[in-house]
């Protein structure tokens, strides 16, 4: 693609590195920004720089936060004995949008995937197990997508925690096999959490031991 400006080319190259954005879309976005007032573009750029440089990860749950401990973990009205274990920050956002879950979270930061070279040590599992050892947590809800990686991760946690004095639950299978939580509608997701079942009952017979 021929560009009339090296500056435009650089902008398109950077924008096109964002997920789901090709060169043509990046070109439209860059030209759109060029038409906007300079103050608007500066605010956009500054907000992204500030977000990248100043965002923190909660010491307790590993969710993103503006401070050391996130608002959810700090909220006195949340049920700190119930922890919803999710793969990603986006899952916390999806569950919070239902407005029905009143417990707290733990973000794993990924899923076990031997094919991709991701093992248990690459996830925030150690800090989760520490929370269990502290004794405050009474129930863990595995709110993980129904994928092979999700099942493997949940099964690993089950093996590590099955002898601990904590209830292990799994969201009901209103979430279809292969689906990610972030794409589930709010009603389905809310019902899946409300109708959670003991984890043992959710293990599919085909799951590798």
N, C-alpha and C. Protein backbone atom coordinates (compact mmCIF):
# COMPACT_ATOMS: atom_id res chain seq x y z
N UNK A 1 0.85 -1.19 0.00
CA UNK A 1 0.00 0.00 0.00
C UNK A 1 0.88 1.24 0.00
N UNK A 2 0.61 2.15 -0.91
CA UNK A 2 1.38 3.39 -0.99
C UNK A 2 0.75 4.46 -0.10
N UNK A 3 1.58 5.08 0.71
CA UNK A 3 1.12 6.12 1.61
C UNK A 3 1.67 7.48 1.16
N UNK A 4 0.86 8.50 1.34
CA UNK A 4 1.29 9.84 0.98
C UNK A 4 2.18 10.45 2.05
N UNK A 5 2.26 9.78 3.20
CA UNK A 5 2.99 10.33 4.34
C UNK A 5 3.58 9.20 5.17
N UNK A 6 4.83 9.36 5.57
CA UNK A 6 5.45 8.40 6.47
C UNK A 6 4.76 8.40 7.83
N UNK A 7 4.29 9.57 8.26
CA UNK A 7 3.59 9.66 9.54
C UNK A 7 2.29 8.86 9.49
N UNK A 8 1.57 8.94 8.38
CA UNK A 8 0.35 8.14 8.21
C UNK A 8 0.70 6.67 8.20
N UNK A 9 1.74 6.29 7.50
CA UNK A 9 2.15 4.89 7.44
C UNK A 9 2.46 4.34 8.83
N UNK A 10 3.18 5.14 9.62
CA UNK A 10 3.52 4.71 10.97
C UNK A 10 2.28 4.56 11.83
N UNK A 11 1.34 5.51 11.70
CA UNK A 11 0.10 5.44 12.47
C UNK A 11 -0.70 4.20 12.10
N UNK A 12 -0.81 3.93 10.81
CA UNK A 12 -1.56 2.75 10.33
C UNK A 12 -0.89 1.47 10.82
N UNK A 13 0.43 1.41 10.77
CA UNK A 13 1.15 0.22 11.23
C UNK A 13 0.88 -0.05 12.71
N UNK A 14 0.89 1.00 13.52
CA UNK A 14 0.66 0.83 14.96
C UNK A 14 -0.78 0.42 15.25
N UNK A 15 -1.73 1.09 14.63
CA UNK A 15 -3.15 0.78 14.87
C UNK A 15 -3.48 -0.63 14.41
N UNK A 16 -2.89 -1.06 13.30
CA UNK A 16 -3.20 -2.39 12.75
C UNK A 16 -2.67 -3.52 13.61
N UNK A 17 -1.84 -3.21 14.59
CA UNK A 17 -1.36 -4.24 15.50
C UNK A 17 -2.38 -4.58 16.58
N UNK A 18 -3.43 -3.77 16.70
CA UNK A 18 -4.49 -4.07 17.66
C UNK A 18 -5.29 -5.27 17.15
N UNK A 19 -5.81 -6.12 18.06
CA UNK A 19 -6.52 -7.32 17.64
C UNK A 19 -7.77 -7.00 16.83
N UNK A 20 -7.96 -7.72 15.74
CA UNK A 20 -9.16 -7.57 14.93
C UNK A 20 -9.15 -6.39 13.99
N UNK A 21 -8.03 -5.69 13.90
CA UNK A 21 -7.96 -4.51 13.04
C UNK A 21 -6.93 -4.73 11.94
N UNK A 22 -7.40 -4.73 10.69
CA UNK A 22 -6.51 -4.87 9.56
C UNK A 22 -6.04 -3.51 9.07
N UNK A 23 -5.27 -3.52 7.99
CA UNK A 23 -4.69 -2.29 7.46
C UNK A 23 -5.76 -1.31 6.99
N UNK A 24 -6.81 -1.80 6.35
CA UNK A 24 -7.84 -0.90 5.83
C UNK A 24 -8.58 -0.21 6.96
N UNK A 25 -8.94 -0.99 7.98
CA UNK A 25 -9.61 -0.40 9.15
C UNK A 25 -8.69 0.58 9.86
N UNK A 26 -7.41 0.21 9.97
CA UNK A 26 -6.44 1.10 10.61
C UNK A 26 -6.32 2.41 9.84
N UNK A 27 -6.38 2.32 8.51
CA UNK A 27 -6.32 3.52 7.68
C UNK A 27 -7.52 4.43 7.95
N UNK A 28 -8.72 3.84 8.01
CA UNK A 28 -9.93 4.63 8.27
C UNK A 28 -9.86 5.30 9.63
N UNK A 29 -9.37 4.56 10.64
CA UNK A 29 -9.28 5.13 11.99
C UNK A 29 -8.26 6.26 12.04
N UNK A 30 -7.12 6.06 11.38
CA UNK A 30 -6.09 7.10 11.38
C UNK A 30 -6.60 8.37 10.70
N UNK A 31 -7.28 8.22 9.57
CA UNK A 31 -7.80 9.39 8.86
C UNK A 31 -8.94 10.05 9.64
N UNK A 32 -9.71 9.22 10.36
CA UNK A 32 -10.78 9.77 11.21
C UNK A 32 -10.17 10.64 12.31
N UNK A 33 -9.11 10.14 12.95
CA UNK A 33 -8.45 10.91 14.00
C UNK A 33 -7.86 12.20 13.46
N UNK A 34 -7.39 12.15 12.22
CA UNK A 34 -6.82 13.34 11.60
C UNK A 34 -7.85 14.45 11.44
N UNK A 35 -9.12 14.05 11.27
CA UNK A 35 -10.20 15.02 11.09
C UNK A 35 -10.71 15.60 12.41
N UNK A 36 -10.40 14.92 13.51
CA UNK A 36 -10.89 15.39 14.80
C UNK A 36 -10.03 16.55 15.31
N UNK A 37 -10.60 17.28 16.25
CA UNK A 37 -9.85 18.37 16.87
C UNK A 37 -8.59 17.82 17.54
N UNK A 38 -7.52 18.59 17.52
CA UNK A 38 -6.25 18.14 18.09
C UNK A 38 -6.40 17.80 19.57
N UNK A 39 -7.21 18.57 20.31
CA UNK A 39 -7.40 18.31 21.74
C UNK A 39 -7.98 16.92 21.99
N UNK A 40 -8.92 16.52 21.13
CA UNK A 40 -9.54 15.20 21.28
C UNK A 40 -8.49 14.10 21.09
N UNK A 41 -7.69 14.21 20.05
CA UNK A 41 -6.67 13.20 19.78
C UNK A 41 -5.62 13.17 20.88
N UNK A 42 -5.26 14.34 21.41
CA UNK A 42 -4.29 14.39 22.50
C UNK A 42 -4.85 13.73 23.76
N UNK A 43 -6.16 13.95 24.05
CA UNK A 43 -6.78 13.32 25.22
C UNK A 43 -6.79 11.80 25.06
N UNK A 44 -7.09 11.35 23.84
CA UNK A 44 -7.09 9.91 23.57
C UNK A 44 -5.70 9.33 23.79
N UNK A 45 -4.71 9.97 23.20
CA UNK A 45 -3.35 9.48 23.35
C UNK A 45 -2.88 9.49 24.79
N UNK A 46 -3.15 10.60 25.48
CA UNK A 46 -2.72 10.71 26.88
C UNK A 46 -3.41 9.70 27.78
N UNK A 47 -4.71 9.44 27.50
CA UNK A 47 -5.44 8.47 28.33
C UNK A 47 -4.88 7.07 28.15
N UNK A 48 -4.46 6.72 26.93
CA UNK A 48 -3.88 5.40 26.68
C UNK A 48 -2.51 5.28 27.35
N UNK A 49 -1.72 6.34 27.28
CA UNK A 49 -0.40 6.33 27.92
C UNK A 49 -0.55 6.22 29.43
N UNK A 50 -1.48 6.99 29.99
CA UNK A 50 -1.71 6.96 31.44
C UNK A 50 -2.21 5.58 31.87
N UNK A 51 -3.13 5.00 31.08
CA UNK A 51 -3.65 3.67 31.37
C UNK A 51 -2.52 2.64 31.39
N UNK A 52 -1.69 2.67 30.37
CA UNK A 52 -0.61 1.68 30.27
C UNK A 52 0.42 1.86 31.37
N UNK A 53 0.75 3.09 31.71
CA UNK A 53 1.82 3.34 32.66
C UNK A 53 1.39 3.24 34.12
N UNK A 54 0.11 3.52 34.41
CA UNK A 54 -0.30 3.64 35.81
C UNK A 54 -1.23 2.52 36.30
N UNK A 55 -1.73 1.69 35.39
CA UNK A 55 -2.64 0.63 35.82
C UNK A 55 -1.91 -0.35 36.74
N UNK A 56 -2.60 -0.86 37.74
CA UNK A 56 -2.03 -1.83 38.66
C UNK A 56 -2.84 -3.11 38.63
N UNK A 57 -2.28 -4.14 39.23
CA UNK A 57 -3.01 -5.40 39.39
C UNK A 57 -3.21 -5.62 40.88
N UNK A 58 -4.45 -5.86 41.26
CA UNK A 58 -4.82 -6.02 42.67
C UNK A 58 -3.94 -7.08 43.34
N UNK A 59 -3.42 -6.74 44.50
CA UNK A 59 -2.58 -7.68 45.26
C UNK A 59 -3.33 -8.95 45.63
N UNK A 60 -4.64 -8.83 45.79
CA UNK A 60 -5.43 -9.95 46.28
C UNK A 60 -5.94 -10.82 45.14
N UNK A 61 -6.66 -10.20 44.19
CA UNK A 61 -7.38 -10.99 43.18
C UNK A 61 -6.76 -10.95 41.78
N UNK A 62 -5.79 -10.06 41.56
CA UNK A 62 -5.10 -9.92 40.27
C UNK A 62 -5.96 -9.25 39.20
N UNK A 63 -7.08 -8.64 39.60
CA UNK A 63 -7.86 -7.84 38.66
C UNK A 63 -7.15 -6.49 38.47
N UNK A 64 -7.45 -5.80 37.37
CA UNK A 64 -6.85 -4.48 37.18
C UNK A 64 -7.45 -3.50 38.19
N UNK A 65 -6.64 -2.52 38.55
CA UNK A 65 -7.06 -1.59 39.60
C UNK A 65 -6.26 -0.30 39.48
N UNK A 66 -6.84 0.77 40.02
CA UNK A 66 -6.11 2.04 40.08
C UNK A 66 -5.25 2.13 41.34
N UNK A 67 -5.53 1.25 42.29
CA UNK A 67 -4.81 1.25 43.56
C UNK A 67 -4.34 -0.16 43.88
N UNK A 68 -3.62 -0.29 45.01
CA UNK A 68 -2.99 -1.57 45.35
C UNK A 68 -4.00 -2.70 45.52
N UNK A 69 -5.12 -2.41 46.15
CA UNK A 69 -6.20 -3.40 46.31
C UNK A 69 -7.44 -2.84 45.65
N UNK A 70 -8.05 -3.62 44.77
CA UNK A 70 -9.14 -3.12 43.93
C UNK A 70 -10.40 -2.81 44.74
N UNK A 71 -11.32 -2.09 44.11
CA UNK A 71 -12.55 -1.68 44.78
C UNK A 71 -13.41 -2.87 45.20
N UNK A 72 -13.40 -3.94 44.39
CA UNK A 72 -14.22 -5.11 44.72
C UNK A 72 -13.68 -5.77 45.99
N UNK A 73 -12.37 -6.00 46.04
CA UNK A 73 -11.78 -6.63 47.22
C UNK A 73 -11.89 -5.75 48.47
N UNK A 74 -11.93 -4.44 48.26
CA UNK A 74 -12.01 -3.50 49.38
C UNK A 74 -13.43 -3.23 49.84
N UNK A 75 -14.41 -3.68 49.07
CA UNK A 75 -15.82 -3.35 49.36
C UNK A 75 -16.32 -4.15 50.56
N UNK A 76 -16.77 -3.47 51.61
CA UNK A 76 -17.23 -4.18 52.81
C UNK A 76 -18.54 -4.94 52.58
N UNK A 77 -19.26 -4.60 51.53
CA UNK A 77 -20.53 -5.26 51.28
C UNK A 77 -20.43 -6.54 50.46
N UNK A 78 -19.24 -6.85 49.96
CA UNK A 78 -19.06 -8.07 49.18
C UNK A 78 -18.86 -9.27 50.11
N UNK A 79 -19.26 -10.44 49.62
CA UNK A 79 -19.08 -11.68 50.36
C UNK A 79 -17.67 -12.20 50.11
N UNK A 80 -16.77 -11.98 51.05
CA UNK A 80 -15.37 -12.35 50.87
C UNK A 80 -15.11 -13.83 51.12
N UNK A 81 -16.16 -14.57 51.48
CA UNK A 81 -15.99 -16.01 51.67
C UNK A 81 -16.24 -16.78 50.37
N UNK A 82 -16.78 -16.09 49.36
CA UNK A 82 -17.07 -16.72 48.07
C UNK A 82 -16.20 -16.09 47.00
N UNK A 83 -15.39 -16.92 46.35
CA UNK A 83 -14.46 -16.42 45.33
C UNK A 83 -14.79 -17.05 43.98
N UNK A 84 -15.01 -16.20 43.01
CA UNK A 84 -15.30 -16.63 41.65
C UNK A 84 -13.98 -16.64 40.87
N UNK A 85 -13.55 -17.80 40.42
CA UNK A 85 -12.28 -17.94 39.72
C UNK A 85 -12.52 -17.82 38.22
N UNK A 86 -11.85 -16.86 37.59
CA UNK A 86 -12.05 -16.62 36.16
C UNK A 86 -10.71 -16.61 35.44
N UNK A 87 -10.79 -16.77 34.13
CA UNK A 87 -9.58 -16.77 33.31
C UNK A 87 -8.99 -15.38 33.15
N UNK A 88 -9.85 -14.40 32.91
CA UNK A 88 -9.37 -13.13 32.40
C UNK A 88 -10.12 -11.96 33.03
N UNK A 89 -9.54 -10.78 32.96
CA UNK A 89 -10.16 -9.56 33.45
C UNK A 89 -11.51 -9.31 32.77
N UNK A 90 -11.60 -9.66 31.48
CA UNK A 90 -12.85 -9.46 30.75
C UNK A 90 -13.99 -10.26 31.36
N UNK A 91 -13.67 -11.41 31.98
CA UNK A 91 -14.70 -12.22 32.61
C UNK A 91 -15.26 -11.54 33.86
N UNK A 92 -14.39 -10.87 34.61
CA UNK A 92 -14.85 -10.09 35.77
C UNK A 92 -15.83 -9.03 35.30
N UNK A 93 -15.49 -8.33 34.25
CA UNK A 93 -16.36 -7.27 33.72
C UNK A 93 -17.70 -7.85 33.30
N UNK A 94 -17.67 -9.00 32.61
CA UNK A 94 -18.91 -9.64 32.14
C UNK A 94 -19.80 -10.03 33.31
N UNK A 95 -19.22 -10.62 34.35
CA UNK A 95 -20.01 -11.05 35.51
C UNK A 95 -20.54 -9.84 36.28
N UNK A 96 -19.71 -8.82 36.44
CA UNK A 96 -20.14 -7.62 37.15
C UNK A 96 -21.31 -6.94 36.44
N UNK A 97 -21.35 -7.04 35.13
CA UNK A 97 -22.44 -6.42 34.37
C UNK A 97 -23.78 -7.09 34.63
N UNK A 98 -23.77 -8.32 35.14
CA UNK A 98 -25.05 -8.97 35.47
C UNK A 98 -25.68 -8.33 36.70
N UNK A 99 -24.84 -7.76 37.58
CA UNK A 99 -25.35 -7.11 38.78
C UNK A 99 -25.88 -8.05 39.83
N UNK A 100 -25.63 -9.36 39.69
CA UNK A 100 -26.21 -10.33 40.62
C UNK A 100 -25.20 -11.00 41.53
N UNK A 101 -23.95 -11.05 41.12
CA UNK A 101 -22.93 -11.73 41.93
C UNK A 101 -22.38 -10.77 42.97
N UNK A 102 -22.35 -11.19 44.22
CA UNK A 102 -21.93 -10.31 45.31
C UNK A 102 -20.67 -10.80 46.03
N UNK A 103 -20.03 -11.83 45.49
CA UNK A 103 -18.79 -12.31 46.07
C UNK A 103 -17.60 -11.54 45.52
N UNK A 104 -16.42 -12.14 45.63
CA UNK A 104 -15.20 -11.52 45.11
C UNK A 104 -14.62 -12.44 44.03
N UNK A 105 -13.45 -12.10 43.51
CA UNK A 105 -12.90 -12.80 42.34
C UNK A 105 -11.46 -13.22 42.56
N UNK A 106 -11.02 -14.10 41.64
CA UNK A 106 -9.59 -14.36 41.47
C UNK A 106 -9.35 -14.56 39.98
N UNK A 107 -8.46 -13.73 39.43
CA UNK A 107 -8.17 -13.78 37.99
C UNK A 107 -6.91 -14.61 37.77
N UNK A 108 -7.05 -15.69 37.01
CA UNK A 108 -5.92 -16.59 36.77
C UNK A 108 -4.90 -16.01 35.80
N UNK A 109 -5.37 -15.18 34.89
CA UNK A 109 -4.46 -14.62 33.89
C UNK A 109 -4.16 -15.57 32.75
N UNK A 110 -5.03 -16.55 32.53
CA UNK A 110 -4.84 -17.51 31.45
C UNK A 110 -5.38 -18.87 31.85
N UNK A 111 -5.11 -19.86 31.01
CA UNK A 111 -5.54 -21.23 31.26
C UNK A 111 -4.38 -22.18 30.96
N UNK A 112 -4.37 -23.31 31.63
CA UNK A 112 -3.35 -24.32 31.36
C UNK A 112 -3.52 -24.84 29.94
N UNK A 113 -2.44 -24.78 29.17
CA UNK A 113 -2.49 -25.22 27.77
C UNK A 113 -1.12 -25.76 27.38
N UNK A 114 -0.89 -27.06 27.59
CA UNK A 114 0.41 -27.65 27.25
C UNK A 114 0.80 -27.41 25.80
N UNK A 115 -0.18 -27.40 24.89
CA UNK A 115 0.11 -27.18 23.48
C UNK A 115 0.74 -25.81 23.24
N UNK A 116 0.37 -24.84 24.08
CA UNK A 116 0.90 -23.49 23.95
C UNK A 116 2.03 -23.21 24.93
N UNK A 117 2.44 -24.23 25.65
CA UNK A 117 3.53 -24.06 26.61
C UNK A 117 3.13 -23.32 27.87
N UNK A 118 1.83 -23.33 28.19
CA UNK A 118 1.34 -22.64 29.39
C UNK A 118 1.05 -23.68 30.47
N UNK A 119 1.79 -23.62 31.56
CA UNK A 119 1.60 -24.55 32.66
C UNK A 119 1.04 -23.86 33.89
N UNK A 120 0.79 -24.62 34.96
CA UNK A 120 0.23 -24.05 36.20
C UNK A 120 1.07 -22.90 36.76
N UNK A 121 2.39 -22.99 36.63
CA UNK A 121 3.26 -21.95 37.19
C UNK A 121 3.14 -20.62 36.44
N UNK A 122 2.52 -20.64 35.26
CA UNK A 122 2.35 -19.41 34.48
C UNK A 122 1.08 -18.66 34.88
N UNK A 123 0.25 -19.26 35.72
CA UNK A 123 -1.01 -18.65 36.15
C UNK A 123 -0.89 -18.15 37.59
N UNK A 124 -1.90 -17.37 38.01
CA UNK A 124 -1.94 -16.85 39.38
C UNK A 124 -2.59 -17.89 40.31
N UNK A 125 -2.02 -19.09 40.30
CA UNK A 125 -2.59 -20.16 41.12
C UNK A 125 -2.01 -20.15 42.53
N UNK A 126 -0.73 -19.82 42.66
CA UNK A 126 -0.11 -19.81 43.97
C UNK A 126 -0.80 -18.85 44.91
N UNK A 127 -1.13 -17.66 44.42
CA UNK A 127 -1.81 -16.68 45.26
C UNK A 127 -3.24 -17.11 45.59
N UNK A 128 -3.86 -17.88 44.68
CA UNK A 128 -5.20 -18.41 44.97
C UNK A 128 -5.12 -19.44 46.10
N UNK A 129 -4.15 -20.33 46.01
CA UNK A 129 -4.00 -21.35 47.05
C UNK A 129 -3.67 -20.71 48.40
N UNK A 130 -2.93 -19.61 48.38
CA UNK A 130 -2.64 -18.88 49.62
C UNK A 130 -3.92 -18.33 50.24
N UNK A 131 -4.82 -17.85 49.40
CA UNK A 131 -6.09 -17.33 49.92
C UNK A 131 -6.89 -18.44 50.60
N UNK A 132 -6.81 -19.64 50.04
CA UNK A 132 -7.50 -20.77 50.66
C UNK A 132 -6.87 -21.09 52.01
N UNK A 133 -5.55 -21.09 52.06
CA UNK A 133 -4.85 -21.41 53.30
C UNK A 133 -5.15 -20.41 54.41
N UNK A 134 -5.44 -19.16 54.03
CA UNK A 134 -5.75 -18.14 55.03
C UNK A 134 -7.04 -18.43 55.78
N UNK A 135 -7.91 -19.27 55.20
CA UNK A 135 -9.09 -19.75 55.91
C UNK A 135 -10.36 -18.95 55.74
N UNK A 136 -10.30 -17.78 55.10
CA UNK A 136 -11.51 -16.97 54.97
C UNK A 136 -12.44 -17.49 53.87
N UNK A 137 -11.85 -18.08 52.84
CA UNK A 137 -12.64 -18.53 51.68
C UNK A 137 -13.37 -19.82 52.01
N UNK A 138 -14.70 -19.83 51.79
CA UNK A 138 -15.53 -21.01 52.05
C UNK A 138 -15.97 -21.70 50.76
N UNK A 139 -16.03 -20.94 49.65
CA UNK A 139 -16.45 -21.53 48.38
C UNK A 139 -15.67 -20.93 47.22
N UNK A 140 -15.23 -21.81 46.32
CA UNK A 140 -14.63 -21.39 45.06
C UNK A 140 -15.60 -21.75 43.94
N UNK A 141 -15.91 -20.78 43.10
CA UNK A 141 -16.75 -21.03 41.93
C UNK A 141 -15.84 -21.01 40.70
N UNK A 142 -15.75 -22.13 40.01
CA UNK A 142 -14.96 -22.17 38.77
C UNK A 142 -15.82 -21.61 37.64
N UNK A 143 -15.62 -20.34 37.33
CA UNK A 143 -16.38 -19.69 36.25
C UNK A 143 -15.47 -19.56 35.03
N UNK A 144 -15.21 -20.70 34.43
CA UNK A 144 -14.25 -20.79 33.33
C UNK A 144 -14.97 -21.36 32.11
N UNK A 145 -14.63 -20.85 30.93
CA UNK A 145 -15.26 -21.30 29.71
C UNK A 145 -15.15 -22.81 29.52
N UNK A 146 -16.14 -23.37 28.85
CA UNK A 146 -16.21 -24.83 28.66
C UNK A 146 -15.37 -25.26 27.46
N UNK A 147 -14.06 -25.06 27.60
CA UNK A 147 -13.11 -25.47 26.58
C UNK A 147 -12.20 -26.55 27.16
N UNK A 148 -11.40 -27.19 26.31
CA UNK A 148 -10.47 -28.19 26.81
C UNK A 148 -9.49 -27.57 27.81
N UNK A 149 -9.01 -26.36 27.49
CA UNK A 149 -8.09 -25.67 28.39
C UNK A 149 -8.77 -25.30 29.70
N UNK A 150 -10.03 -24.85 29.60
CA UNK A 150 -10.78 -24.50 30.79
C UNK A 150 -11.02 -25.70 31.69
N UNK A 151 -11.40 -26.83 31.07
CA UNK A 151 -11.62 -28.06 31.84
C UNK A 151 -10.33 -28.55 32.49
N UNK A 152 -9.23 -28.46 31.76
CA UNK A 152 -7.94 -28.89 32.30
C UNK A 152 -7.55 -28.05 33.52
N UNK A 153 -7.75 -26.74 33.41
CA UNK A 153 -7.41 -25.84 34.50
C UNK A 153 -8.28 -26.09 35.73
N UNK A 154 -9.58 -26.23 35.51
CA UNK A 154 -10.49 -26.48 36.63
C UNK A 154 -10.16 -27.82 37.30
N UNK A 155 -9.85 -28.82 36.49
CA UNK A 155 -9.53 -30.14 37.04
C UNK A 155 -8.24 -30.10 37.85
N UNK A 156 -7.28 -29.32 37.39
CA UNK A 156 -6.03 -29.17 38.13
C UNK A 156 -6.30 -28.54 39.50
N UNK A 157 -7.11 -27.48 39.52
CA UNK A 157 -7.44 -26.84 40.79
C UNK A 157 -8.20 -27.79 41.70
N UNK A 158 -9.10 -28.56 41.12
CA UNK A 158 -9.86 -29.53 41.90
C UNK A 158 -8.94 -30.54 42.57
N UNK A 159 -7.96 -31.05 41.81
CA UNK A 159 -7.03 -32.02 42.38
C UNK A 159 -6.22 -31.42 43.53
N UNK A 160 -5.85 -30.14 43.40
CA UNK A 160 -5.05 -29.48 44.42
C UNK A 160 -5.86 -29.13 45.66
N UNK A 161 -7.15 -28.93 45.50
CA UNK A 161 -7.96 -28.38 46.59
C UNK A 161 -9.02 -29.33 47.13
N UNK A 162 -9.16 -30.50 46.53
CA UNK A 162 -10.26 -31.40 46.93
C UNK A 162 -10.17 -31.85 48.38
N UNK A 163 -8.97 -31.80 48.97
CA UNK A 163 -8.84 -32.19 50.38
C UNK A 163 -8.83 -31.00 51.33
N UNK A 164 -9.12 -29.81 50.79
CA UNK A 164 -9.16 -28.61 51.61
C UNK A 164 -10.60 -28.33 52.07
N UNK A 165 -10.76 -27.63 53.21
CA UNK A 165 -12.11 -27.35 53.72
C UNK A 165 -12.77 -26.19 52.97
N UNK A 166 -12.94 -26.35 51.68
CA UNK A 166 -13.55 -25.31 50.85
C UNK A 166 -14.48 -25.99 49.84
N UNK A 167 -15.65 -25.42 49.65
CA UNK A 167 -16.61 -25.95 48.69
C UNK A 167 -16.17 -25.58 47.28
N UNK A 168 -16.15 -26.55 46.36
CA UNK A 168 -15.74 -26.32 44.99
C UNK A 168 -16.95 -26.46 44.08
N UNK A 169 -17.30 -25.36 43.40
CA UNK A 169 -18.48 -25.35 42.53
C UNK A 169 -18.07 -24.98 41.12
N UNK A 170 -18.95 -25.30 40.18
CA UNK A 170 -18.74 -24.91 38.79
C UNK A 170 -20.02 -24.27 38.28
N UNK A 171 -19.88 -23.25 37.44
CA UNK A 171 -21.08 -22.64 36.87
C UNK A 171 -21.85 -23.68 36.08
N UNK A 172 -23.17 -23.55 36.07
CA UNK A 172 -24.02 -24.47 35.33
C UNK A 172 -23.71 -24.36 33.85
N UNK A 173 -23.94 -25.41 33.10
CA UNK A 173 -23.58 -25.44 31.70
C UNK A 173 -24.57 -24.72 30.80
N UNK A 174 -25.03 -23.53 31.27
CA UNK A 174 -25.76 -22.65 30.38
C UNK A 174 -24.80 -22.06 29.36
N UNK A 175 -23.49 -22.09 29.73
CA UNK A 175 -22.45 -21.66 28.81
C UNK A 175 -22.11 -22.86 27.94
N UNK A 176 -22.28 -22.73 26.65
CA UNK A 176 -22.09 -23.86 25.75
C UNK A 176 -20.64 -24.31 25.67
N UNK A 177 -20.45 -25.56 25.33
CA UNK A 177 -19.12 -26.11 25.17
C UNK A 177 -18.35 -25.28 24.14
N UNK A 178 -17.15 -24.87 24.51
CA UNK A 178 -16.31 -24.09 23.61
C UNK A 178 -16.51 -22.60 23.72
N UNK A 179 -17.49 -22.15 24.51
CA UNK A 179 -17.77 -20.72 24.61
C UNK A 179 -16.90 -20.05 25.68
N UNK A 180 -16.60 -18.78 25.45
CA UNK A 180 -15.92 -17.96 26.45
C UNK A 180 -16.94 -17.15 27.22
N UNK A 181 -16.68 -16.89 28.50
CA UNK A 181 -17.64 -16.18 29.34
C UNK A 181 -17.97 -14.79 28.80
N UNK A 182 -16.98 -14.12 28.25
CA UNK A 182 -17.19 -12.73 27.84
C UNK A 182 -18.25 -12.60 26.75
N UNK A 183 -18.55 -13.69 26.02
CA UNK A 183 -19.52 -13.63 24.93
C UNK A 183 -20.91 -14.10 25.36
N UNK A 184 -21.04 -14.54 26.60
CA UNK A 184 -22.35 -14.99 27.08
C UNK A 184 -23.21 -13.78 27.42
N UNK A 185 -24.52 -13.88 27.17
CA UNK A 185 -25.40 -12.77 27.53
C UNK A 185 -25.57 -12.73 29.04
N UNK A 186 -25.99 -11.58 29.54
CA UNK A 186 -26.03 -11.36 30.99
C UNK A 186 -26.98 -12.30 31.71
N UNK A 187 -28.12 -12.61 31.10
CA UNK A 187 -29.10 -13.49 31.75
C UNK A 187 -28.54 -14.90 31.87
N UNK A 188 -27.96 -15.41 30.78
CA UNK A 188 -27.38 -16.75 30.80
C UNK A 188 -26.26 -16.84 31.82
N UNK A 189 -25.40 -15.83 31.84
CA UNK A 189 -24.27 -15.84 32.76
C UNK A 189 -24.74 -15.75 34.20
N UNK A 190 -25.72 -14.90 34.45
CA UNK A 190 -26.25 -14.76 35.80
C UNK A 190 -26.86 -16.07 36.29
N UNK A 191 -27.65 -16.73 35.42
CA UNK A 191 -28.27 -18.01 35.80
C UNK A 191 -27.22 -19.10 36.01
N UNK A 192 -26.16 -19.07 35.18
CA UNK A 192 -25.11 -20.08 35.30
C UNK A 192 -24.42 -20.01 36.65
N UNK A 193 -24.25 -18.79 37.16
CA UNK A 193 -23.63 -18.63 38.47
C UNK A 193 -24.62 -18.99 39.59
N UNK A 194 -25.84 -18.51 39.45
CA UNK A 194 -26.86 -18.77 40.48
C UNK A 194 -27.17 -20.26 40.61
N UNK A 195 -27.13 -20.98 39.48
CA UNK A 195 -27.47 -22.40 39.46
C UNK A 195 -26.22 -23.28 39.44
N UNK A 196 -25.13 -22.77 40.01
CA UNK A 196 -23.89 -23.53 40.02
C UNK A 196 -24.07 -24.87 40.73
N UNK A 197 -23.21 -25.80 40.38
CA UNK A 197 -23.32 -27.16 40.88
C UNK A 197 -21.98 -27.58 41.49
N UNK A 198 -21.97 -28.60 42.34
CA UNK A 198 -20.68 -29.09 42.86
C UNK A 198 -19.76 -29.46 41.70
N UNK A 199 -18.49 -29.14 41.82
CA UNK A 199 -17.59 -29.36 40.70
C UNK A 199 -17.57 -30.82 40.26
N UNK A 200 -17.62 -31.76 41.21
CA UNK A 200 -17.57 -33.18 40.86
C UNK A 200 -18.66 -33.55 39.85
N UNK A 201 -19.82 -32.90 39.98
CA UNK A 201 -20.94 -33.22 39.08
C UNK A 201 -20.73 -32.65 37.67
N UNK A 202 -19.78 -31.72 37.54
CA UNK A 202 -19.57 -31.08 36.24
C UNK A 202 -18.49 -31.74 35.42
N UNK A 203 -17.77 -32.69 36.03
CA UNK A 203 -16.67 -33.33 35.31
C UNK A 203 -17.22 -34.27 34.25
N UNK A 204 -16.86 -33.99 32.99
CA UNK A 204 -17.34 -34.84 31.90
C UNK A 204 -16.57 -36.17 31.92
N UNK A 205 -17.26 -37.28 31.63
CA UNK A 205 -16.60 -38.59 31.67
C UNK A 205 -15.37 -38.67 30.78
N UNK A 206 -15.33 -37.86 29.71
CA UNK A 206 -14.22 -37.93 28.77
C UNK A 206 -13.00 -37.17 29.25
N UNK A 207 -13.12 -36.48 30.40
CA UNK A 207 -11.98 -35.69 30.88
C UNK A 207 -10.83 -36.61 31.24
N UNK A 208 -9.64 -36.29 30.73
CA UNK A 208 -8.49 -37.14 31.01
C UNK A 208 -8.08 -37.09 32.47
N UNK A 209 -7.87 -38.22 33.07
CA UNK A 209 -7.43 -38.30 34.47
C UNK A 209 -5.92 -38.01 34.56
